[in-house]
Structure formats: structure tokens, C-alpha cells
PDB file of N, CA and C in Angstrom:
ATOM      1  N   UNK A   1      92.615  99.827 145.763  1.00  0.00           N
ATOM      2  CA  UNK A   1      91.728  99.687 144.625  1.00  0.00           C
ATOM      3  C   UNK A   1      90.308 100.000 145.100  1.00  0.00           C
ATOM      4  N   UNK A   2      89.548 100.681 144.256  1.00  0.00           N
ATOM      5  CA  UNK A   2      88.190 101.068 144.639  1.00  0.00           C
ATOM      6  C   UNK A   2      87.268  99.849 144.685  1.00  0.00           C
ATOM      7  N   UNK A   3      86.230  99.969 145.501  1.00  0.00           N
ATOM      8  CA  UNK A   3      85.261  98.877 145.612  1.00  0.00           C
ATOM      9  C   UNK A   3      84.535  98.657 144.294  1.00  0.00           C
ATOM     10  N   UNK A   4      84.272  99.739 143.576  1.00  0.00           N
ATOM     11  CA  UNK A   4      83.601  99.613 142.274  1.00  0.00           C
ATOM     12  C   UNK A   4      84.466  98.817 141.300  1.00  0.00           C
ATOM     13  N   UNK A   5      85.751  99.071 141.302  1.00  0.00           N
ATOM     14  CA  UNK A   5      86.652  98.336 140.403  1.00  0.00           C
ATOM     15  C   UNK A   5      86.713  96.858 140.783  1.00  0.00           C
ATOM     16  N   UNK A   6      86.763  96.579 142.082  1.00  0.00           N
ATOM     17  CA  UNK A   6      86.750  95.180 142.534  1.00  0.00           C
ATOM     18  C   UNK A   6      85.460  94.510 142.079  1.00  0.00           C
ATOM     19  N   UNK A   7      84.323  95.192 142.308  1.00  0.00           N
ATOM     20  CA  UNK A   7      83.031  94.648 141.908  1.00  0.00           C
ATOM     21  C   UNK A   7      83.012  94.332 140.418  1.00  0.00           C
ATOM     22  N   UNK A   8      83.408  95.285 139.574  1.00  0.00           N
ATOM     23  CA  UNK A   8      83.324  95.086 138.119  1.00  0.00           C
ATOM     24  C   UNK A   8      84.278  94.009 137.621  1.00  0.00           C
ATOM     25  N   UNK A   9      85.449  93.891 138.256  1.00  0.00           N
ATOM     26  CA  UNK A   9      86.372  92.823 137.871  1.00  0.00           C
ATOM     27  C   UNK A   9      85.733  91.452 138.093  1.00  0.00           C
ATOM     28  N   UNK A  10      85.123  91.285 139.257  1.00  0.00           N
ATOM     29  CA  UNK A  10      84.509  90.001 139.574  1.00  0.00           C
ATOM     30  C   UNK A  10      83.177  89.818 138.856  1.00  0.00           C
ATOM     31  N   UNK A  11      82.478  90.903 138.560  1.00  0.00           N
ATOM     32  CA  UNK A  11      81.241  90.817 137.789  1.00  0.00           C
ATOM     33  C   UNK A  11      81.538  90.270 136.393  1.00  0.00           C
ATOM     34  N   UNK A  12      82.571  90.799 135.753  1.00  0.00           N
ATOM     35  CA  UNK A  12      82.968  90.296 134.429  1.00  0.00           C
ATOM     36  C   UNK A  12      83.320  88.817 134.490  1.00  0.00           C
ATOM     37  N   UNK A  13      84.008  88.423 135.547  1.00  0.00           N
ATOM     38  CA  UNK A  13      84.346  87.002 135.706  1.00  0.00           C
ATOM     39  C   UNK A  13      83.083  86.175 135.909  1.00  0.00           C
ATOM     40  N   UNK A  14      82.120  86.717 136.640  1.00  0.00           N
ATOM     41  CA  UNK A  14      80.868  86.011 136.882  1.00  0.00           C
ATOM     42  C   UNK A  14      80.039  85.813 135.632  1.00  0.00           C
ATOM     43  N   UNK A  15      80.293  86.615 134.606  1.00  0.00           N
ATOM     44  CA  UNK A  15      79.591  86.472 133.329  1.00  0.00           C
ATOM     45  C   UNK A  15      80.162  85.352 132.465  1.00  0.00           C
ATOM     46  N   UNK A  16      81.305  84.820 132.860  1.00  0.00           N
ATOM     47  CA  UNK A  16      81.957  83.772 132.069  1.00  0.00           C
ATOM     48  C   UNK A  16      81.062  82.545 131.982  1.00  0.00           C
ATOM     49  N   UNK A  17      80.999  81.970 130.804  1.00  0.00           N
ATOM     50  CA  UNK A  17      80.188  80.776 130.583  1.00  0.00           C
ATOM     51  C   UNK A  17      81.089  79.559 130.655  1.00  0.00           C
ATOM     52  N   UNK A  18      80.739  78.598 131.484  1.00  0.00           N
ATOM     53  CA  UNK A  18      81.512  77.373 131.548  1.00  0.00           C
ATOM     54  C   UNK A  18      81.900  76.963 132.952  1.00  0.00           C
ATOM     55  N   UNK A  19      81.398  77.642 133.950  1.00  0.00           N
ATOM     56  CA  UNK A  19      81.650  77.236 135.326  1.00  0.00           C
ATOM     57  C   UNK A  19      82.942  77.770 135.902  1.00  0.00           C
ATOM     58  N   UNK A  20      83.396  77.097 136.947  1.00  0.00           N
ATOM     59  CA  UNK A  20      84.539  77.558 137.717  1.00  0.00           C
ATOM     60  C   UNK A  20      85.824  77.725 136.933  1.00  0.00           C
ATOM     61  N   UNK A  21      86.108  76.815 136.023  1.00  0.00           N
ATOM     62  CA  UNK A  21      87.357  76.929 135.261  1.00  0.00           C
ATOM     63  C   UNK A  21      87.334  78.119 134.311  1.00  0.00           C
ATOM     64  N   UNK A  22      86.176  78.426 133.759  1.00  0.00           N
ATOM     65  CA  UNK A  22      86.066  79.610 132.901  1.00  0.00           C
ATOM     66  C   UNK A  22      86.255  80.875 133.728  1.00  0.00           C
ATOM     67  N   UNK A  23      85.654  80.902 134.906  1.00  0.00           N
ATOM     68  CA  UNK A  23      85.817  82.050 135.801  1.00  0.00           C
ATOM     69  C   UNK A  23      87.275  82.176 136.210  1.00  0.00           C
ATOM     70  N   UNK A  24      87.900  81.055 136.508  1.00  0.00           N
ATOM     71  CA  UNK A  24      89.311  81.053 136.887  1.00  0.00           C
ATOM     72  C   UNK A  24      90.169  81.671 135.792  1.00  0.00           C
ATOM     73  N   UNK A  25      89.916  81.305 134.548  1.00  0.00           N
ATOM     74  CA  UNK A  25      90.697  81.839 133.427  1.00  0.00           C
ATOM     75  C   UNK A  25      90.508  83.344 133.291  1.00  0.00           C
ATOM     76  N   UNK A  26      89.273  83.820 133.434  1.00  0.00           N
ATOM     77  CA  UNK A  26      89.005  85.260 133.338  1.00  0.00           C
ATOM     78  C   UNK A  26      89.709  86.001 134.469  1.00  0.00           C
ATOM     79  N   UNK A  27      89.605  85.473 135.684  1.00  0.00           N
ATOM     80  CA  UNK A  27      90.255  86.125 136.821  1.00  0.00           C
ATOM     81  C   UNK A  27      91.771  86.123 136.686  1.00  0.00           C
ATOM     82  N   UNK A  28      92.322  85.012 136.234  1.00  0.00           N
ATOM     83  CA  UNK A  28      93.780  84.967 136.065  1.00  0.00           C
ATOM     84  C   UNK A  28      94.231  85.992 135.033  1.00  0.00           C
ATOM     85  N   UNK A  29      93.526  86.079 133.932  1.00  0.00           N
ATOM     86  CA  UNK A  29      93.875  87.061 132.913  1.00  0.00           C
ATOM     87  C   UNK A  29      93.801  88.479 133.479  1.00  0.00           C
ATOM     88  N   UNK A  30      92.730  88.761 134.199  1.00  0.00           N
ATOM     89  CA  UNK A  30      92.513  90.105 134.739  1.00  0.00           C
ATOM     90  C   UNK A  30      93.506  90.459 135.842  1.00  0.00           C
ATOM     91  N   UNK A  31      93.688  89.561 136.789  1.00  0.00           N
ATOM     92  CA  UNK A  31      94.490  89.864 137.976  1.00  0.00           C
ATOM     93  C   UNK A  31      95.988  89.680 137.769  1.00  0.00           C
ATOM     94  N   UNK A  32      96.367  88.708 136.957  1.00  0.00           N
ATOM     95  CA  UNK A  32      97.793  88.402 136.777  1.00  0.00           C
ATOM     96  C   UNK A  32      98.352  89.090 135.538  1.00  0.00           C
ATOM     97  N   UNK A  33      97.732  88.870 134.398  1.00  0.00           N
ATOM     98  CA  UNK A  33      98.291  89.367 133.138  1.00  0.00           C
ATOM     99  C   UNK A  33      97.980  90.838 132.884  1.00  0.00           C
ATOM    100  N   UNK A  34      96.716  91.192 132.992  1.00  0.00           N
ATOM    101  CA  UNK A  34      96.293  92.537 132.592  1.00  0.00           C
ATOM    102  C   UNK A  34      96.643  93.596 133.633  1.00  0.00           C
ATOM    103  N   UNK A  35      96.230  93.395 134.862  1.00  0.00           N
ATOM    104  CA  UNK A  35      96.414  94.423 135.896  1.00  0.00           C
ATOM    105  C   UNK A  35      97.652  94.210 136.765  1.00  0.00           C
ATOM    106  N   UNK A  36      98.199  93.010 136.735  1.00  0.00           N
ATOM    107  CA  UNK A  36      99.382  92.666 137.540  1.00  0.00           C
ATOM    108  C   UNK A  36      99.184  92.992 139.025  1.00  0.00           C
ATOM    109  N   UNK A  37      98.019  92.616 139.531  1.00  0.00           N
ATOM    110  CA  UNK A  37      97.698  92.839 140.937  1.00  0.00           C
ATOM    111  C   UNK A  37      98.346  91.771 141.803  1.00  0.00           C
ATOM    112  N   UNK A  38      98.357  90.541 141.310  1.00  0.00           N
ATOM    113  CA  UNK A  38      99.009  89.431 142.003  1.00  0.00           C
ATOM    114  C   UNK A  38      99.908  88.712 141.006  1.00  0.00           C
ATOM    115  N   UNK A  39     100.896  88.011 141.542  1.00  0.00           N
ATOM    116  CA  UNK A  39     101.749  87.210 140.666  1.00  0.00           C
ATOM    117  C   UNK A  39     101.023  85.905 140.332  1.00  0.00           C
ATOM    118  N   UNK A  40     101.524  85.227 139.337  1.00  0.00           N
ATOM    119  CA  UNK A  40     100.924  83.937 138.957  1.00  0.00           C
ATOM    120  C   UNK A  40     101.009  82.944 140.115  1.00  0.00           C
ATOM    121  N   UNK A  41     102.148  82.921 140.804  1.00  0.00           N
ATOM    122  CA  UNK A  41     102.301  82.016 141.953  1.00  0.00           C
ATOM    123  C   UNK A  41     101.305  82.344 143.061  1.00  0.00           C
ATOM    124  N   UNK A  42     101.113  83.634 143.347  1.00  0.00           N
ATOM    125  CA  UNK A  42     100.139  84.028 144.371  1.00  0.00           C
ATOM    126  C   UNK A  42      98.725  83.616 143.964  1.00  0.00           C
ATOM    127  N   UNK A  43      98.410  83.806 142.683  1.00  0.00           N
ATOM    128  CA  UNK A  43      97.080  83.444 142.200  1.00  0.00           C
ATOM    129  C   UNK A  43      96.859  81.934 142.310  1.00  0.00           C
ATOM    130  N   UNK A  44      97.844  81.156 141.892  1.00  0.00           N
ATOM    131  CA  UNK A  44      97.712  79.696 141.953  1.00  0.00           C
ATOM    132  C   UNK A  44      97.665  79.189 143.393  1.00  0.00           C
ATOM    133  N   UNK A  45      98.399  79.841 144.288  1.00  0.00           N
ATOM    134  CA  UNK A  45      98.339  79.476 145.704  1.00  0.00           C
ATOM    135  C   UNK A  45      96.952  79.769 146.268  1.00  0.00           C
ATOM    136  N   UNK A  46      96.399  80.924 145.909  1.00  0.00           N
ATOM    137  CA  UNK A  46      95.043  81.274 146.348  1.00  0.00           C
ATOM    138  C   UNK A  46      94.042  80.259 145.816  1.00  0.00           C
ATOM    139  N   UNK A  47      94.192  79.878 144.553  1.00  0.00           N
ATOM    140  CA  UNK A  47      93.304  78.874 143.959  1.00  0.00           C
ATOM    141  C   UNK A  47      93.436  77.533 144.692  1.00  0.00           C
ATOM    142  N   UNK A  48      94.665  77.113 144.963  1.00  0.00           N
ATOM    143  CA  UNK A  48      94.887  75.836 145.654  1.00  0.00           C
ATOM    144  C   UNK A  48      94.261  75.849 147.044  1.00  0.00           C
ATOM    145  N   UNK A  49      94.413  76.953 147.755  1.00  0.00           N
ATOM    146  CA  UNK A  49      93.796  77.059 149.080  1.00  0.00           C
ATOM    147  C   UNK A  49      92.276  77.079 148.968  1.00  0.00           C
ATOM    148  N   UNK A  50      91.767  77.700 147.905  1.00  0.00           N
ATOM    149  CA  UNK A  50      90.326  77.722 147.672  1.00  0.00           C
ATOM    150  C   UNK A  50      89.756  76.340 147.423  1.00  0.00           C
ATOM    151  N   UNK A  51      90.575  75.456 146.909  1.00  0.00           N
ATOM    152  CA  UNK A  51      90.120  74.084 146.633  1.00  0.00           C
ATOM    153  C   UNK A  51      89.918  73.270 147.915  1.00  0.00           C
ATOM    154  N   UNK A  52      90.600  73.646 148.998  1.00  0.00           N
ATOM    155  CA  UNK A  52      90.531  72.813 150.201  1.00  0.00           C
ATOM    156  C   UNK A  52      89.552  73.330 151.249  1.00  0.00           C
ATOM    157  N   UNK A  53      89.007  74.517 151.066  1.00  0.00           N
ATOM    158  CA  UNK A  53      88.040  75.017 152.047  1.00  0.00           C
ATOM    159  C   UNK A  53      86.646  74.509 151.694  1.00  0.00           C
ATOM    160  N   UNK A  54      85.780  74.362 152.693  1.00  0.00           N
ATOM    161  CA  UNK A  54      84.453  73.784 152.438  1.00  0.00           C
ATOM    162  C   UNK A  54      83.461  74.786 151.839  1.00  0.00           C
ATOM    163  N   UNK A  55      83.743  75.227 150.649  1.00  0.00           N
ATOM    164  CA  UNK A  55      82.852  76.119 149.899  1.00  0.00           C
ATOM    165  C   UNK A  55      83.211  75.978 148.430  1.00  0.00           C
ATOM    166  N   UNK A  56      82.531  76.690 147.581  1.00  0.00           N
ATOM    167  CA  UNK A  56      82.902  76.680 146.177  1.00  0.00           C
ATOM    168  C   UNK A  56      84.271  77.310 145.990  1.00  0.00           C
ATOM    169  N   UNK A  57      85.050  76.756 145.102  1.00  0.00           N
ATOM    170  CA  UNK A  57      86.413  77.243 144.900  1.00  0.00           C
ATOM    171  C   UNK A  57      86.436  78.704 144.485  1.00  0.00           C
ATOM    172  N   UNK A  58      85.589  79.087 143.537  1.00  0.00           N
ATOM    173  CA  UNK A  58      85.604  80.470 143.070  1.00  0.00           C
ATOM    174  C   UNK A  58      85.105  81.433 144.139  1.00  0.00           C
ATOM    175  N   UNK A  59      84.209  80.962 144.989  1.00  0.00           N
ATOM    176  CA  UNK A  59      83.768  81.782 146.117  1.00  0.00           C
ATOM    177  C   UNK A  59      84.943  82.047 147.049  1.00  0.00           C
ATOM    178  N   UNK A  60      85.711  81.021 147.338  1.00  0.00           N
ATOM    179  CA  UNK A  60      86.873  81.170 148.209  1.00  0.00           C
ATOM    180  C   UNK A  60      87.919  82.090 147.585  1.00  0.00           C
ATOM    181  N   UNK A  61      88.140  81.962 146.287  1.00  0.00           N
ATOM    182  CA  UNK A  61      89.092  82.837 145.595  1.00  0.00           C
ATOM    183  C   UNK A  61      88.609  84.283 145.656  1.00  0.00           C
ATOM    184  N   UNK A  62      87.311  84.504 145.440  1.00  0.00           N
ATOM    185  CA  UNK A  62      86.755  85.861 145.509  1.00  0.00           C
ATOM    186  C   UNK A  62      86.926  86.446 146.903  1.00  0.00           C
ATOM    187  N   UNK A  63      86.673  85.649 147.927  1.00  0.00           N
ATOM    188  CA  UNK A  63      86.839  86.119 149.304  1.00  0.00           C
ATOM    189  C   UNK A  63      88.292  86.512 149.553  1.00  0.00           C
ATOM    190  N   UNK A  64      89.218  85.645 149.185  1.00  0.00           N
ATOM    191  CA  UNK A  64      90.636  85.899 149.455  1.00  0.00           C
ATOM    192  C   UNK A  64      91.155  87.117 148.703  1.00  0.00           C
ATOM    193  N   UNK A  65      90.871  87.189 147.423  1.00  0.00           N
ATOM    194  CA  UNK A  65      91.398  88.303 146.630  1.00  0.00           C
ATOM    195  C   UNK A  65      90.655  89.591 146.957  1.00  0.00           C
ATOM    196  N   UNK A  66      89.332  89.505 147.139  1.00  0.00           N
ATOM    197  CA  UNK A  66      88.576  90.690 147.536  1.00  0.00           C
ATOM    198  C   UNK A  66      89.081  91.257 148.842  1.00  0.00           C
ATOM    199  N   UNK A  67      89.370  90.392 149.806  1.00  0.00           N
ATOM    200  CA  UNK A  67      89.887  90.858 151.096  1.00  0.00           C
ATOM    201  C   UNK A  67      91.268  91.478 150.937  1.00  0.00           C
ATOM    202  N   UNK A  68      92.075  90.876 150.124  1.00  0.00           N
ATOM    203  CA  UNK A  68      93.422  91.423 149.902  1.00  0.00           C
ATOM    204  C   UNK A  68      93.366  92.812 149.271  1.00  0.00           C
ATOM    205  N   UNK A  69      92.422  93.015 148.356  1.00  0.00           N
ATOM    206  CA  UNK A  69      92.343  94.286 147.636  1.00  0.00           C
ATOM    207  C   UNK A  69      91.575  95.367 148.386  1.00  0.00           C
ATOM    208  N   UNK A  70      90.641  94.972 149.257  1.00  0.00           N
ATOM    209  CA  UNK A  70      89.820  95.997 149.893  1.00  0.00           C
ATOM    210  C   UNK A  70      89.271  95.642 151.253  1.00  0.00           C
ATOM    211  N   UNK A  71      89.899  94.712 151.947  1.00  0.00           N
ATOM    212  CA  UNK A  71      89.426  94.349 153.278  1.00  0.00           C
ATOM    213  C   UNK A  71      88.059  93.685 153.222  1.00  0.00           C
ATOM    214  N   UNK A  72      87.291  93.866 154.285  1.00  0.00           N
ATOM    215  CA  UNK A  72      85.967  93.250 154.362  1.00  0.00           C
ATOM    216  C   UNK A  72      85.055  93.802 153.272  1.00  0.00           C
ATOM    217  N   UNK A  73      85.110  95.103 153.037  1.00  0.00           N
ATOM    218  CA  UNK A  73      84.281  95.705 151.982  1.00  0.00           C
ATOM    219  C   UNK A  73      84.675  95.158 150.608  1.00  0.00           C
ATOM    220  N   UNK A  74      85.959  94.927 150.395  1.00  0.00           N
ATOM    221  CA  UNK A  74      86.417  94.332 149.143  1.00  0.00           C
ATOM    222  C   UNK A  74      85.919  92.908 148.974  1.00  0.00           C
ATOM    223  N   UNK A  75      85.844  92.183 150.084  1.00  0.00           N
ATOM    224  CA  UNK A  75      85.295  90.828 150.050  1.00  0.00           C
ATOM    225  C   UNK A  75      83.840  90.851 149.611  1.00  0.00           C
ATOM    226  N   UNK A  76      83.064  91.757 150.197  1.00  0.00           N
ATOM    227  CA  UNK A  76      81.647  91.876 149.843  1.00  0.00           C
ATOM    228  C   UNK A  76      81.498  92.270 148.377  1.00  0.00           C
ATOM    229  N   UNK A  77      82.296  93.236 147.924  1.00  0.00           N
ATOM    230  CA  UNK A  77      82.231  93.678 146.526  1.00  0.00           C
ATOM    231  C   UNK A  77      82.563  92.532 145.573  1.00  0.00           C
ATOM    232  N   UNK A  78      83.601  91.765 145.888  1.00  0.00           N
ATOM    233  CA  UNK A  78      83.999  90.643 145.033  1.00  0.00           C
ATOM    234  C   UNK A  78      82.916  89.565 144.998  1.00  0.00           C
ATOM    235  N   UNK A  79      82.358  89.240 146.153  1.00  0.00           N
ATOM    236  CA  UNK A  79      81.312  88.208 146.199  1.00  0.00           C
ATOM    237  C   UNK A  79      80.055  88.645 145.464  1.00  0.00           C
ATOM    238  N   UNK A  80      79.647  89.894 145.662  1.00  0.00           N
ATOM    239  CA  UNK A  80      78.472  90.396 144.942  1.00  0.00           C
ATOM    240  C   UNK A  80      78.723  90.396 143.439  1.00  0.00           C
ATOM    241  N   UNK A  81      79.891  90.859 143.037  1.00  0.00           N
ATOM    242  CA  UNK A  81      80.213  90.886 141.615  1.00  0.00           C
ATOM    243  C   UNK A  81      80.231  89.501 140.997  1.00  0.00           C
ATOM    244  N   UNK A  82      80.783  88.552 141.707  1.00  0.00           N
ATOM    245  CA  UNK A  82      80.894  87.191 141.181  1.00  0.00           C
ATOM    246  C   UNK A  82      79.539  86.492 141.096  1.00  0.00           C
ATOM    247  N   UNK A  83      78.684  86.708 142.086  1.00  0.00           N
ATOM    248  CA  UNK A  83      77.432  85.955 142.151  1.00  0.00           C
ATOM    249  C   UNK A  83      76.243  86.652 141.499  1.00  0.00           C
ATOM    250  N   UNK A  84      76.319  87.952 141.295  1.00  0.00           N
ATOM    251  CA  UNK A  84      75.172  88.680 140.742  1.00  0.00           C
ATOM    252  C   UNK A  84      74.743  88.191 139.357  1.00  0.00           C
ATOM    253  N   UNK A  85      75.650  87.939 138.414  1.00  0.00           N
ATOM    254  CA  UNK A  85      75.198  87.450 137.103  1.00  0.00           C
ATOM    255  C   UNK A  85      74.406  86.142 137.191  1.00  0.00           C
ATOM    256  N   UNK A  86      74.863  85.201 137.988  1.00  0.00           N
ATOM    257  CA  UNK A  86      74.146  83.928 138.126  1.00  0.00           C
ATOM    258  C   UNK A  86      72.804  84.135 138.820  1.00  0.00           C
ATOM    259  N   UNK A  87      72.765  85.005 139.809  1.00  0.00           N
ATOM    260  CA  UNK A  87      71.515  85.279 140.522  1.00  0.00           C
ATOM    261  C   UNK A  87      70.478  85.889 139.584  1.00  0.00           C
ATOM    262  N   UNK A  88      70.891  86.897 138.823  1.00  0.00           N
ATOM    263  CA  UNK A  88      69.963  87.560 137.897  1.00  0.00           C
ATOM    264  C   UNK A  88      69.482  86.578 136.833  1.00  0.00           C
ATOM    265  N   UNK A  89      70.379  85.763 136.305  1.00  0.00           N
ATOM    266  CA  UNK A  89      69.994  84.759 135.302  1.00  0.00           C
ATOM    267  C   UNK A  89      68.993  83.764 135.872  1.00  0.00           C
ATOM    268  N   UNK A  90      69.225  83.316 137.085  1.00  0.00           N
ATOM    269  CA  UNK A  90      68.321  82.358 137.719  1.00  0.00           C
ATOM    270  C   UNK A  90      66.938  82.960 137.938  1.00  0.00           C
ATOM    271  N   UNK A  91      66.893  84.193 138.419  1.00  0.00           N
ATOM    272  CA  UNK A  91      65.606  84.860 138.640  1.00  0.00           C
ATOM    273  C   UNK A  91      64.874  85.048 137.314  1.00  0.00           C
ATOM    274  N   UNK A  92      65.596  85.471 136.275  1.00  0.00           N
ATOM    275  CA  UNK A  92      64.969  85.690 134.965  1.00  0.00           C
ATOM    276  C   UNK A  92      64.441  84.382 134.372  1.00  0.00           C
ATOM    277  N   UNK A  93      65.223  83.323 134.448  1.00  0.00           N
ATOM    278  CA  UNK A  93      64.773  82.032 133.910  1.00  0.00           C
ATOM    279  C   UNK A  93      63.605  81.459 134.710  1.00  0.00           C
ATOM    280  N   UNK A  94      63.621  81.667 136.016  1.00  0.00           N
ATOM    281  CA  UNK A  94      62.498  81.211 136.842  1.00  0.00           C
ATOM    282  C   UNK A  94      61.226  81.964 136.485  1.00  0.00           C
ATOM    283  N   UNK A  95      61.346  83.276 136.292  1.00  0.00           N
ATOM    284  CA  UNK A  95      60.181  84.082 135.906  1.00  0.00           C
ATOM    285  C   UNK A  95      59.654  83.641 134.544  1.00  0.00           C
ATOM    286  N   UNK A  96      60.558  83.383 133.603  1.00  0.00           N
ATOM    287  CA  UNK A  96      60.138  82.930 132.273  1.00  0.00           C
ATOM    288  C   UNK A  96      59.457  81.565 132.369  1.00  0.00           C
ATOM    289  N   UNK A  97      59.998  80.682 133.167  1.00  0.00           N
ATOM    290  CA  UNK A  97      59.398  79.358 133.356  1.00  0.00           C
ATOM    291  C   UNK A  97      57.984  79.477 133.920  1.00  0.00           C
ATOM    292  N   UNK A  98      57.833  80.331 134.924  1.00  0.00           N
ATOM    293  CA  UNK A  98      56.506  80.490 135.539  1.00  0.00           C
ATOM    294  C   UNK A  98      55.500  81.057 134.543  1.00  0.00           C
ATOM    295  N   UNK A  99      55.956  81.940 133.658  1.00  0.00           N
ATOM    296  CA  UNK A  99      55.063  82.517 132.658  1.00  0.00           C
ATOM    297  C   UNK A  99      54.668  81.491 131.601  1.00  0.00           C
ATOM    298  N   UNK A 100      55.585  80.611 131.275  1.00  0.00           N
ATOM    299  CA  UNK A 100      55.367  79.681 130.168  1.00  0.00           C
ATOM    300  C   UNK A 100      54.874  78.298 130.582  1.00  0.00           C
ATOM    301  N   UNK A 101      54.928  77.967 131.840  1.00  0.00           N
ATOM    302  CA  UNK A 101      54.647  76.587 132.256  1.00  0.00           C
ATOM    303  C   UNK A 101      53.226  76.124 131.967  1.00  0.00           C
ATOM    304  N   UNK A 102      52.284  77.027 131.880  1.00  0.00           N
ATOM    305  CA  UNK A 102      50.897  76.628 131.625  1.00  0.00           C
ATOM    306  C   UNK A 102      50.490  76.743 130.160  1.00  0.00           C
ATOM    307  N   UNK A 103      51.424  77.084 129.295  1.00  0.00           N
ATOM    308  CA  UNK A 103      51.082  77.213 127.876  1.00  0.00           C
ATOM    309  C   UNK A 103      51.065  75.841 127.214  1.00  0.00           C
ATOM    310  N   UNK A 104      50.327  75.755 126.134  1.00  0.00           N
ATOM    311  CA  UNK A 104      50.195  74.488 125.403  1.00  0.00           C
ATOM    312  C   UNK A 104      51.542  74.028 124.840  1.00  0.00           C
ATOM    313  N   UNK A 105      52.301  74.933 124.276  1.00  0.00           N
ATOM    314  CA  UNK A 105      53.598  74.574 123.699  1.00  0.00           C
ATOM    315  C   UNK A 105      54.577  74.068 124.745  1.00  0.00           C
ATOM    316  N   UNK A 106      54.529  74.633 125.919  1.00  0.00           N
ATOM    317  CA  UNK A 106      55.432  74.213 126.987  1.00  0.00           C
ATOM    318  C   UNK A 106      55.118  72.787 127.433  1.00  0.00           C
ATOM    319  N   UNK A 107      53.846  72.443 127.443  1.00  0.00           N
ATOM    320  CA  UNK A 107      53.443  71.086 127.828  1.00  0.00           C
ATOM    321  C   UNK A 107      53.988  70.045 126.853  1.00  0.00           C
ATOM    322  N   UNK A 108      54.170  70.427 125.606  1.00  0.00           N
ATOM    323  CA  UNK A 108      54.695  69.497 124.603  1.00  0.00           C
ATOM    324  C   UNK A 108      56.166  69.164 124.826  1.00  0.00           C
ATOM    325  N   UNK A 109      56.881  70.001 125.540  1.00  0.00           N
ATOM    326  CA  UNK A 109      58.300  69.747 125.776  1.00  0.00           C
ATOM    327  C   UNK A 109      58.531  68.453 126.546  1.00  0.00           C
ATOM    328  N   UNK A 110      57.616  68.088 127.416  1.00  0.00           N
ATOM    329  CA  UNK A 110      57.806  66.863 128.196  1.00  0.00           C
ATOM    330  C   UNK A 110      57.558  65.606 127.366  1.00  0.00           C
ATOM    331  N   UNK A 111      56.966  65.759 126.188  1.00  0.00           N
ATOM    332  CA  UNK A 111      56.698  64.617 125.315  1.00  0.00           C
ATOM    333  C   UNK A 111      57.992  64.098 124.708  1.00  0.00           C
ATOM    334  N   UNK A 112      58.924  64.968 124.412  1.00  0.00           N
ATOM    335  CA  UNK A 112      60.137  64.562 123.706  1.00  0.00           C
ATOM    336  C   UNK A 112      61.169  63.970 124.585  1.00  0.00           C
TER     337      UNK A 112
END
């Protein structure tokens, strides 16, 4: 599988709203049902192993599946795809906060 395809699969999952379980559902649909890249048992085993390693579960799942699909480069593509949406959102919200923090209306938010 191409690195671009791995990246976009995980990027779409990273756009899911609702945290790890939402990402899990998107990945399961994509990898098990739609593309049939892994079986349901393989996916659930990967998820279970991801739960016991000392990192975020979805990060561990991205590492495992990315590596399976494309080696080390696939791991990097999966991790970048998964984390890029949250990174961009955080940077954008931080920039907006910095622009608005000194405005009169923003100061009123702490009153409520």
C-alpha cells in the first residue's frame, strides 16, 4: 500500500470527533469492512495490545498497522496522518486565543 494511502486513511480517522473510540470506529470501518486489509480479529488484537503499551491506544494502533502496511515509513505516515488534524486544530485555536485574549468581549467570558 502506498504511503499516501496510509497517510490519508489515518488522516480521515484523525478528523473523527469524539476521541479514541471514534477514531477506533473509523479505523475499523476503513481497515476491516471497507478495504479488508485486516480481519476483525487482527484489528481487535492490535487494539488490545495497544491498550497495554505505555502510550495512547490510538497511537499504538497507528504504529502497529502503519508498520504492517508500510514498514517504518508506513509507521511515520500513519502517525502523521493521525496526529496532524489535532495539531492543526490546536495551533489554529491557540492563534485565535492569542488574537482575542485582549479584546473587551473576551474579558467578559470569565465573568460567567
